[in-house]
Amino acid sequence: SMTFHLGAEPLVEALKDSPFELTYMKAHDAAKDFPLA
């Protein structure tokens, strides 16, 4: 079996209604999607 996990939920919750806008780039997306410029 295989399961997928997120580790940043406490931080995401803490930043709700805050002066910060968080983009959460998951590890499996970063190899392709992290900016090249």
PDB file of all heavy atoms in Angstrom:
ATOM      1  N   SER A   1       0.850  -1.185   0.000  1.00  0.00           N
ATOM      2  CA  SER A   1       0.000   0.000   0.000  1.00  0.00           C
ATOM      3  C   SER A   1       0.887   1.237   0.000  1.00  0.00           C
ATOM      4  O   SER A   1       2.070   1.184   0.350  1.00  0.00           O
ATOM      5  CB  SER A   1      -0.935   0.017   1.218  1.00  0.00           C
ATOM      6  OG  SER A   1      -0.190   0.114   2.419  1.00  0.00           O
ATOM      7  N   MET A   2       0.300   2.358  -0.398  1.00  0.00           N
ATOM      8  CA  MET A   2       1.031   3.613  -0.488  1.00  0.00           C
ATOM      9  C   MET A   2       0.158   4.731   0.060  1.00  0.00           C
ATOM     10  O   MET A   2      -1.044   4.784  -0.200  1.00  0.00           O
ATOM     11  CB  MET A   2       1.395   3.900  -1.951  1.00  0.00           C
ATOM     12  CG  MET A   2       2.196   5.164  -2.178  1.00  0.00           C
ATOM     13  SD  MET A   2       2.564   5.412  -3.946  1.00  0.00           S
ATOM     14  CE  MET A   2       3.537   3.945  -4.296  1.00  0.00           C
ATOM     15  N   THR A   3       0.753   5.624   0.851  1.00  0.00           N
ATOM     16  CA  THR A   3       0.016   6.759   1.400  1.00  0.00           C
ATOM     17  C   THR A   3       0.809   8.036   1.167  1.00  0.00           C
ATOM     18  O   THR A   3       2.044   8.024   1.125  1.00  0.00           O
ATOM     19  CB  THR A   3      -0.245   6.580   2.900  1.00  0.00           C
ATOM     20  OG1 THR A   3       0.991   6.300   3.571  1.00  0.00           O
ATOM     21  CG2 THR A   3      -1.229   5.439   3.158  1.00  0.00           C
ATOM     22  N   PHE A   4       0.093   9.152   1.035  1.00  0.00           N
ATOM     23  CA  PHE A   4       0.699  10.459   0.794  1.00  0.00           C
ATOM     24  C   PHE A   4       0.480  11.327   2.027  1.00  0.00           C
ATOM     25  O   PHE A   4      -0.597  11.312   2.634  1.00  0.00           O
ATOM     26  CB  PHE A   4       0.053  11.118  -0.425  1.00  0.00           C
ATOM     27  CG  PHE A   4       0.548  12.519  -0.690  1.00  0.00           C
ATOM     28  CD1 PHE A   4       1.840  12.747  -1.115  1.00  0.00           C
ATOM     29  CD2 PHE A   4      -0.287  13.617  -0.509  1.00  0.00           C
ATOM     30  CE1 PHE A   4       2.300  14.030  -1.353  1.00  0.00           C
ATOM     31  CE2 PHE A   4       0.156  14.902  -0.739  1.00  0.00           C
ATOM     32  CZ  PHE A   4       1.464  15.110  -1.161  1.00  0.00           C
ATOM     33  N   HIS A   5       1.506  12.082   2.417  1.00  0.00           N
ATOM     34  CA  HIS A   5       1.445  12.837   3.662  1.00  0.00           C
ATOM     35  C   HIS A   5       1.893  14.279   3.440  1.00  0.00           C
ATOM     36  O   HIS A   5       2.799  14.555   2.653  1.00  0.00           O
ATOM     37  CB  HIS A   5       2.347  12.190   4.723  1.00  0.00           C
ATOM     38  CG  HIS A   5       2.052  10.749   4.963  1.00  0.00           C
ATOM     39  ND1 HIS A   5       1.160  10.318   5.914  1.00  0.00           N
ATOM     40  CD2 HIS A   5       2.533   9.635   4.355  1.00  0.00           C
ATOM     41  CE1 HIS A   5       1.106   8.997   5.906  1.00  0.00           C
ATOM     42  NE2 HIS A   5       1.927   8.559   4.960  1.00  0.00           N
ATOM     43  N   LEU A   6       1.267  15.178   4.180  1.00  0.00           N
ATOM     44  CA  LEU A   6       1.646  16.588   4.192  1.00  0.00           C
ATOM     45  C   LEU A   6       2.129  16.944   5.590  1.00  0.00           C
ATOM     46  O   LEU A   6       1.497  16.585   6.583  1.00  0.00           O
ATOM     47  CB  LEU A   6       0.457  17.476   3.815  1.00  0.00           C
ATOM     48  CG  LEU A   6      -0.106  17.306   2.402  1.00  0.00           C
ATOM     49  CD1 LEU A   6      -1.382  18.119   2.237  1.00  0.00           C
ATOM     50  CD2 LEU A   6       0.923  17.729   1.359  1.00  0.00           C
ATOM     51  N   GLY A   7       3.240  17.669   5.682  1.00  0.00           N
ATOM     52  CA  GLY A   7       3.800  17.992   6.974  1.00  0.00           C
ATOM     53  C   GLY A   7       3.651  19.434   7.407  1.00  0.00           C
ATOM     54  O   GLY A   7       4.042  19.793   8.513  1.00  0.00           O
ATOM     55  N   ALA A   8       3.083  20.271   6.533  1.00  0.00           N
ATOM     56  CA  ALA A   8       3.047  21.704   6.828  1.00  0.00           C
ATOM     57  C   ALA A   8       1.678  22.208   7.257  1.00  0.00           C
ATOM     58  O   ALA A   8       1.479  23.419   7.375  1.00  0.00           O
ATOM     59  CB  ALA A   8       3.526  22.499   5.617  1.00  0.00           C
ATOM     60  N   GLU A   9       0.727  21.311   7.505  1.00  0.00           N
ATOM     61  CA  GLU A   9      -0.620  21.772   7.862  1.00  0.00           C
ATOM     62  C   GLU A   9      -0.642  22.705   9.061  1.00  0.00           C
ATOM     63  O   GLU A   9      -1.394  23.691   9.053  1.00  0.00           O
ATOM     64  CB  GLU A   9      -1.558  20.585   8.120  1.00  0.00           C
ATOM     65  CG  GLU A   9      -1.804  19.703   6.912  1.00  0.00           C
ATOM     66  CD  GLU A   9      -0.932  18.466   6.949  1.00  0.00           C
ATOM     67  OE1 GLU A   9       0.244  18.582   7.360  1.00  0.00           O
ATOM     68  OE2 GLU A   9      -1.434  17.385   6.582  1.00  0.00           O
ATOM     69  N   PRO A  10       0.153  22.451  10.123  1.00  0.00           N
ATOM     70  CA  PRO A  10       0.122  23.404  11.243  1.00  0.00           C
ATOM     71  C   PRO A  10       0.539  24.816  10.832  1.00  0.00           C
ATOM     72  O   PRO A  10      -0.058  25.803  11.288  1.00  0.00           O
ATOM     73  CB  PRO A  10       1.115  22.797  12.243  1.00  0.00           C
ATOM     74  CG  PRO A  10       1.133  21.344  11.932  1.00  0.00           C
ATOM     75  CD  PRO A  10       0.982  21.271  10.445  1.00  0.00           C
ATOM     76  N   LEU A  11       1.536  24.925   9.967  1.00  0.00           N
ATOM     77  CA  LEU A  11       1.975  26.240   9.510  1.00  0.00           C
ATOM     78  C   LEU A  11       0.930  26.874   8.605  1.00  0.00           C
ATOM     79  O   LEU A  11       0.651  28.068   8.709  1.00  0.00           O
ATOM     80  CB  LEU A  11       3.305  26.128   8.775  1.00  0.00           C
ATOM     81  CG  LEU A  11       3.873  27.444   8.258  1.00  0.00           C
ATOM     82  CD1 LEU A  11       4.184  28.387   9.412  1.00  0.00           C
ATOM     83  CD2 LEU A  11       5.122  27.209   7.418  1.00  0.00           C
ATOM     84  N   VAL A  12       0.359  26.089   7.708  1.00  0.00           N
ATOM     85  CA  VAL A  12      -0.689  26.608   6.820  1.00  0.00           C
ATOM     86  C   VAL A  12      -1.839  27.177   7.653  1.00  0.00           C
ATOM     87  O   VAL A  12      -2.348  28.270   7.371  1.00  0.00           O
ATOM     88  CB  VAL A  12      -1.199  25.499   5.874  1.00  0.00           C
ATOM     89  CG1 VAL A  12      -2.423  25.970   5.099  1.00  0.00           C
ATOM     90  CG2 VAL A  12      -0.093  25.078   4.909  1.00  0.00           C
ATOM     91  N   GLU A  13      -2.228  26.462   8.686  1.00  0.00           N
ATOM     92  CA  GLU A  13      -3.321  26.919   9.555  1.00  0.00           C
ATOM     93  C   GLU A  13      -2.919  28.195  10.290  1.00  0.00           C
ATOM     94  O   GLU A  13      -3.723  29.128  10.428  1.00  0.00           O
ATOM     95  CB  GLU A  13      -3.669  25.819  10.554  1.00  0.00           C
ATOM     96  CG  GLU A  13      -4.814  26.154  11.493  1.00  0.00           C
ATOM     97  CD  GLU A  13      -6.152  26.305  10.797  1.00  0.00           C
ATOM     98  OE1 GLU A  13      -6.335  25.702   9.719  1.00  0.00           O
ATOM     99  OE2 GLU A  13      -7.010  27.043  11.335  1.00  0.00           O
ATOM    100  N   ALA A  14      -1.673  28.259  10.749  1.00  0.00           N
ATOM    101  CA  ALA A  14      -1.210  29.419  11.506  1.00  0.00           C
ATOM    102  C   ALA A  14      -1.171  30.683  10.660  1.00  0.00           C
ATOM    103  O   ALA A  14      -1.291  31.794  11.191  1.00  0.00           O
ATOM    104  CB  ALA A  14       0.176  29.140  12.091  1.00  0.00           C
ATOM    105  N   LEU A  15      -1.017  30.534   9.346  1.00  0.00           N
ATOM    106  CA  LEU A  15      -0.903  31.697   8.473  1.00  0.00           C
ATOM    107  C   LEU A  15      -2.243  32.176   7.911  1.00  0.00           C
ATOM    108  O   LEU A  15      -2.279  33.156   7.165  1.00  0.00           O
ATOM    109  CB  LEU A  15       0.056  31.396   7.313  1.00  0.00           C
ATOM    110  CG  LEU A  15       1.527  31.219   7.703  1.00  0.00           C
ATOM    111  CD1 LEU A  15       2.377  30.989   6.462  1.00  0.00           C
ATOM    112  CD2 LEU A  15       2.043  32.405   8.489  1.00  0.00           C
ATOM    113  N   LYS A  16      -3.328  31.491   8.267  1.00  0.00           N
ATOM    114  CA  LYS A  16      -4.639  31.965   7.825  1.00  0.00           C
ATOM    115  C   LYS A  16      -4.936  33.333   8.435  1.00  0.00           C
ATOM    116  O   LYS A  16      -4.614  33.599   9.588  1.00  0.00           O
ATOM    117  CB  LYS A  16      -5.729  30.963   8.227  1.00  0.00           C
ATOM    118  CG  LYS A  16      -5.717  29.686   7.409  1.00  0.00           C
ATOM    119  CD  LYS A  16      -6.845  28.753   7.819  1.00  0.00           C
ATOM    120  CE  LYS A  16      -6.868  27.495   6.970  1.00  0.00           C
ATOM    121  NZ  LYS A  16      -7.957  26.564   7.402  1.00  0.00           N
ATOM    122  N   ASP A  17      -5.532  34.211   7.640  1.00  0.00           N
ATOM    123  CA  ASP A  17      -5.878  35.564   8.103  1.00  0.00           C
ATOM    124  C   ASP A  17      -4.660  36.288   8.669  1.00  0.00           C
ATOM    125  O   ASP A  17      -4.727  36.953   9.708  1.00  0.00           O
ATOM    126  CB  ASP A  17      -6.990  35.506   9.164  1.00  0.00           C
ATOM    127  CG  ASP A  17      -8.247  34.833   8.645  1.00  0.00           C
ATOM    128  OD1 ASP A  17      -8.627  35.123   7.497  1.00  0.00           O
ATOM    129  OD2 ASP A  17      -8.826  34.022   9.374  1.00  0.00           O
ATOM    130  N   SER A  18      -3.538  36.141   7.972  1.00  0.00           N
ATOM    131  CA  SER A  18      -2.294  36.778   8.389  1.00  0.00           C
ATOM    132  C   SER A  18      -1.811  37.710   7.283  1.00  0.00           C
ATOM    133  O   SER A  18      -2.386  37.736   6.189  1.00  0.00           O
ATOM    134  CB  SER A  18      -1.228  35.710   8.669  1.00  0.00           C
ATOM    135  OG  SER A  18      -0.663  35.230   7.466  1.00  0.00           O
ATOM    136  N   PRO A  19      -0.748  38.468   7.514  1.00  0.00           N
ATOM    137  CA  PRO A  19      -0.214  39.342   6.463  1.00  0.00           C
ATOM    138  C   PRO A  19       0.563  38.599   5.382  1.00  0.00           C
ATOM    139  O   PRO A  19       1.202  39.242   4.533  1.00  0.00           O
ATOM    140  CB  PRO A  19       0.731  40.286   7.238  1.00  0.00           C
ATOM    141  CG  PRO A  19       0.387  40.133   8.669  1.00  0.00           C
ATOM    142  CD  PRO A  19      -0.115  38.735   8.818  1.00  0.00           C
ATOM    143  N   PHE A  20       0.502  37.241   5.387  1.00  0.00           N
ATOM    144  CA  PHE A  20       1.314  36.461   4.462  1.00  0.00           C
ATOM    145  C   PHE A  20       0.446  35.575   3.567  1.00  0.00           C
ATOM    146  O   PHE A  20      -0.539  34.988   4.018  1.00  0.00           O
ATOM    147  CB  PHE A  20       2.312  35.594   5.231  1.00  0.00           C
ATOM    148  CG  PHE A  20       3.238  36.394   6.083  1.00  0.00           C
ATOM    149  CD1 PHE A  20       3.002  36.518   7.451  1.00  0.00           C
ATOM    150  CD2 PHE A  20       4.320  37.056   5.535  1.00  0.00           C
ATOM    151  CE1 PHE A  20       3.842  37.272   8.252  1.00  0.00           C
ATOM    152  CE2 PHE A  20       5.160  37.814   6.325  1.00  0.00           C
ATOM    153  CZ  PHE A  20       4.927  37.930   7.686  1.00  0.00           C
ATOM    154  N   GLU A  21       0.855  35.493   2.316  1.00  0.00           N
ATOM    155  CA  GLU A  21       0.231  34.600   1.349  1.00  0.00           C
ATOM    156  C   GLU A  21       1.214  33.469   1.071  1.00  0.00           C
ATOM    157  O   GLU A  21       2.306  33.697   0.547  1.00  0.00           O
ATOM    158  CB  GLU A  21      -0.091  35.350   0.058  1.00  0.00           C
ATOM    159  CG  GLU A  21      -0.684  34.493  -1.047  1.00  0.00           C
ATOM    160  CD  GLU A  21      -0.863  35.269  -2.339  1.00  0.00           C
ATOM    161  OE1 GLU A  21      -1.176  36.474  -2.269  1.00  0.00           O
ATOM    162  OE2 GLU A  21      -0.670  34.679  -3.420  1.00  0.00           O
ATOM    163  N   LEU A  22       0.825  32.246   1.421  1.00  0.00           N
ATOM    164  CA  LEU A  22       1.731  31.100   1.329  1.00  0.00           C
ATOM    165  C   LEU A  22       1.418  30.264   0.094  1.00  0.00           C
ATOM    166  O   LEU A  22       0.295  29.823  -0.103  1.00  0.00           O
ATOM    167  CB  LEU A  22       1.597  30.229   2.577  1.00  0.00           C
ATOM    168  CG  LEU A  22       2.509  29.000   2.637  1.00  0.00           C
ATOM    169  CD1 LEU A  22       3.962  29.411   2.827  1.00  0.00           C
ATOM    170  CD2 LEU A  22       2.063  28.055   3.749  1.00  0.00           C
ATOM    171  N   THR A  23       2.447  30.036  -0.733  1.00  0.00           N
ATOM    172  CA  THR A  23       2.379  29.050  -1.804  1.00  0.00           C
ATOM    173  C   THR A  23       3.106  27.807  -1.315  1.00  0.00           C
ATOM    174  O   THR A  23       4.283  27.880  -0.941  1.00  0.00           O
ATOM    175  CB  THR A  23       3.038  29.574  -3.087  1.00  0.00           C
ATOM    176  OG1 THR A  23       2.330  30.723  -3.541  1.00  0.00           O
ATOM    177  CG2 THR A  23       3.025  28.515  -4.181  1.00  0.00           C
ATOM    178  N   TYR A  24       2.403  26.681  -1.309  1.00  0.00           N
ATOM    179  CA  TYR A  24       2.920  25.426  -0.749  1.00  0.00           C
ATOM    180  C   TYR A  24       3.274  24.507  -1.915  1.00  0.00           C
ATOM    181  O   TYR A  24       2.411  23.879  -2.505  1.00  0.00           O
ATOM    182  CB  TYR A  24       1.840  24.832   0.146  1.00  0.00           C
ATOM    183  CG  TYR A  24       2.187  23.591   0.943  1.00  0.00           C
ATOM    184  CD1 TYR A  24       3.441  22.993   0.931  1.00  0.00           C
ATOM    185  CD2 TYR A  24       1.212  23.002   1.755  1.00  0.00           C
ATOM    186  CE1 TYR A  24       3.713  21.871   1.673  1.00  0.00           C
ATOM    187  CE2 TYR A  24       1.470  21.873   2.511  1.00  0.00           C
ATOM    188  CZ  TYR A  24       2.720  21.311   2.463  1.00  0.00           C
ATOM    189  OH  TYR A  24       2.990  20.191   3.207  1.00  0.00           O
ATOM    190  N   MET A  25       4.562  24.448  -2.268  1.00  0.00           N
ATOM    191  CA  MET A  25       5.037  23.607  -3.361  1.00  0.00           C
ATOM    192  C   MET A  25       5.517  22.283  -2.774  1.00  0.00           C
ATOM    193  O   MET A  25       6.532  22.226  -2.089  1.00  0.00           O
ATOM    194  CB  MET A  25       6.171  24.294  -4.125  1.00  0.00           C
ATOM    195  CG  MET A  25       6.681  23.495  -5.315  1.00  0.00           C
ATOM    196  SD  MET A  25       8.008  24.351  -6.216  1.00  0.00           S
ATOM    197  CE  MET A  25       7.075  25.676  -6.994  1.00  0.00           C
ATOM    198  N   LYS A  26       4.758  21.215  -3.042  1.00  0.00           N
ATOM    199  CA  LYS A  26       5.072  19.919  -2.471  1.00  0.00           C
ATOM    200  C   LYS A  26       6.389  19.381  -3.037  1.00  0.00           C
ATOM    201  O   LYS A  26       6.818  19.739  -4.136  1.00  0.00           O
ATOM    202  CB  LYS A  26       3.941  18.930  -2.731  1.00  0.00           C
ATOM    203  CG  LYS A  26       2.526  19.461  -2.508  1.00  0.00           C
ATOM    204  CD  LYS A  26       2.302  20.009  -1.128  1.00  0.00           C
ATOM    205  CE  LYS A  26       0.835  20.370  -0.893  1.00  0.00           C
ATOM    206  NZ  LYS A  26       0.336  21.459  -1.749  1.00  0.00           N
ATOM    207  N   ALA A  27       7.025  18.491  -2.283  1.00  0.00           N
ATOM    208  CA  ALA A  27       8.342  17.976  -2.672  1.00  0.00           C
ATOM    209  C   ALA A  27       8.309  17.304  -4.036  1.00  0.00           C
ATOM    210  O   ALA A  27       9.233  17.466  -4.837  1.00  0.00           O
ATOM    211  CB  ALA A  27       8.848  17.009  -1.603  1.00  0.00           C
ATOM    212  N   HIS A  28       7.245  16.549  -4.325  1.00  0.00           N
ATOM    213  CA  HIS A  28       7.208  15.833  -5.602  1.00  0.00           C
ATOM    214  C   HIS A  28       6.970  16.761  -6.790  1.00  0.00           C
ATOM    215  O   HIS A  28       7.224  16.375  -7.934  1.00  0.00           O
ATOM    216  CB  HIS A  28       6.117  14.753  -5.564  1.00  0.00           C
ATOM    217  CG  HIS A  28       4.728  15.288  -5.391  1.00  0.00           C
ATOM    218  ND1 HIS A  28       4.228  15.659  -4.169  1.00  0.00           N
ATOM    219  CD2 HIS A  28       3.738  15.522  -6.288  1.00  0.00           C
ATOM    220  CE1 HIS A  28       2.986  16.097  -4.311  1.00  0.00           C
ATOM    221  NE2 HIS A  28       2.667  16.036  -5.585  1.00  0.00           N
ATOM    222  N   ASP A  29       6.507  17.982  -6.539  1.00  0.00           N
ATOM    223  CA  ASP A  29       6.323  18.960  -7.612  1.00  0.00           C
ATOM    224  C   ASP A  29       7.559  19.821  -7.827  1.00  0.00           C
ATOM    225  O   ASP A  29       7.747  20.395  -8.909  1.00  0.00           O
ATOM    226  CB  ASP A  29       5.145  19.882  -7.296  1.00  0.00           C
ATOM    227  CG  ASP A  29       3.806  19.171  -7.337  1.00  0.00           C
ATOM    228  OD1 ASP A  29       3.642  18.281  -8.195  1.00  0.00           O
ATOM    229  OD2 ASP A  29       2.937  19.503  -6.506  1.00  0.00           O
ATOM    230  N   ALA A  30       8.404  19.924  -6.796  1.00  0.00           N
ATOM    231  CA  ALA A  30       9.479  20.916  -6.834  1.00  0.00           C
ATOM    232  C   ALA A  30      10.515  20.635  -7.912  1.00  0.00           C
ATOM    233  O   ALA A  30      11.071  21.576  -8.500  1.00  0.00           O
ATOM    234  CB  ALA A  30      10.153  20.994  -5.466  1.00  0.00           C
ATOM    235  N   ALA A  31      10.815  19.365  -8.200  1.00  0.00           N
ATOM    236  CA  ALA A  31      11.839  19.060  -9.199  1.00  0.00           C
ATOM    237  C   ALA A  31      11.517  19.713 -10.538  1.00  0.00           C
ATOM    238  O   ALA A  31      12.401  20.239 -11.210  1.00  0.00           O
ATOM    239  CB  ALA A  31      11.975  17.546  -9.365  1.00  0.00           C
ATOM    240  N   LYS A  32      10.246  19.737 -10.892  1.00  0.00           N
ATOM    241  CA  LYS A  32       9.838  20.312 -12.177  1.00  0.00           C
ATOM    242  C   LYS A  32       9.404  21.763 -12.042  1.00  0.00           C
ATOM    243  O   LYS A  32       9.698  22.598 -12.913  1.00  0.00           O
ATOM    244  CB  LYS A  32       8.693  19.489 -12.773  1.00  0.00           C
ATOM    245  CG  LYS A  32       8.156  20.007 -14.099  1.00  0.00           C
ATOM    246  CD  LYS A  32       7.084  19.080 -14.651  1.00  0.00           C
ATOM    247  CE  LYS A  32       6.554  19.572 -15.990  1.00  0.00           C
ATOM    248  NZ  LYS A  32       5.832  20.858 -15.869  1.00  0.00           N
ATOM    249  N   ASP A  33       8.706  22.103 -10.958  1.00  0.00           N
ATOM    250  CA  ASP A  33       8.004  23.388 -10.888  1.00  0.00           C
ATOM    251  C   ASP A  33       8.768  24.503 -10.181  1.00  0.00           C
ATOM    252  O   ASP A  33       8.399  25.672 -10.324  1.00  0.00           O
ATOM    253  CB  ASP A  33       6.649  23.198 -10.194  1.00  0.00           C
ATOM    254  CG  ASP A  33       5.713  22.320 -10.999  1.00  0.00           C
ATOM    255  OD1 ASP A  33       5.942  22.140 -12.210  1.00  0.00           O
ATOM    256  OD2 ASP A  33       4.753  21.786 -10.403  1.00  0.00           O
ATOM    257  N   PHE A  34       9.801  24.183  -9.408  1.00  0.00           N
ATOM    258  CA  PHE A  34      10.556  25.276  -8.782  1.00  0.00           C
ATOM    259  C   PHE A  34      11.159  26.146  -9.881  1.00  0.00           C
ATOM    260  O   PHE A  34      11.706  25.635 -10.858  1.00  0.00           O
ATOM    261  CB  PHE A  34      11.652  24.720  -7.877  1.00  0.00           C
ATOM    262  CG  PHE A  34      12.318  25.774  -7.029  1.00  0.00           C
ATOM    263  CD1 PHE A  34      11.822  26.074  -5.777  1.00  0.00           C
ATOM    264  CD2 PHE A  34      13.421  26.471  -7.488  1.00  0.00           C
ATOM    265  CE1 PHE A  34      12.424  27.047  -4.982  1.00  0.00           C
ATOM    266  CE2 PHE A  34      14.030  27.449  -6.718  1.00  0.00           C
ATOM    267  CZ  PHE A  34      13.525  27.743  -5.463  1.00  0.00           C
ATOM    268  N   PRO A  35      11.060  27.470  -9.754  1.00  0.00           N
ATOM    269  CA  PRO A  35      11.466  28.364 -10.849  1.00  0.00           C
ATOM    270  C   PRO A  35      12.899  28.149 -11.320  1.00  0.00           C
ATOM    271  O   PRO A  35      13.810  27.851 -10.534  1.00  0.00           O
ATOM    272  CB  PRO A  35      11.286  29.755 -10.233  1.00  0.00           C
ATOM    273  CG  PRO A  35      10.208  29.582  -9.222  1.00  0.00           C
ATOM    274  CD  PRO A  35      10.448  28.221  -8.639  1.00  0.00           C
ATOM    275  N   LEU A  36      13.073  28.338 -12.626  1.00  0.00           N
ATOM    276  CA  LEU A  36      14.377  28.237 -13.267  1.00  0.00           C
ATOM    277  C   LEU A  36      14.941  29.601 -13.627  1.00  0.00           C
ATOM    278  O   LEU A  36      16.007  29.681 -14.247  1.00  0.00           O
ATOM    279  CB  LEU A  36      14.274  27.387 -14.539  1.00  0.00           C
ATOM    280  CG  LEU A  36      14.068  25.884 -14.335  1.00  0.00           C
ATOM    281  CD1 LEU A  36      13.608  25.230 -15.628  1.00  0.00           C
ATOM    282  CD2 LEU A  36      15.351  25.229 -13.836  1.00  0.00           C
ATOM    283  N   ALA A  37      14.239  30.663 -13.255  1.00  0.00           N
ATOM    284  CA  ALA A  37      14.672  32.013 -13.592  1.00  0.00           C
ATOM    285  C   ALA A  37      14.586  32.902 -12.366  1.00  0.00           C
ATOM    286  O   ALA A  37      13.639  32.814 -11.579  1.00  0.00           O
ATOM    287  CB  ALA A  37      13.826  32.584 -14.728  1.00  0.00           C
TER     288      ALA A  37
END
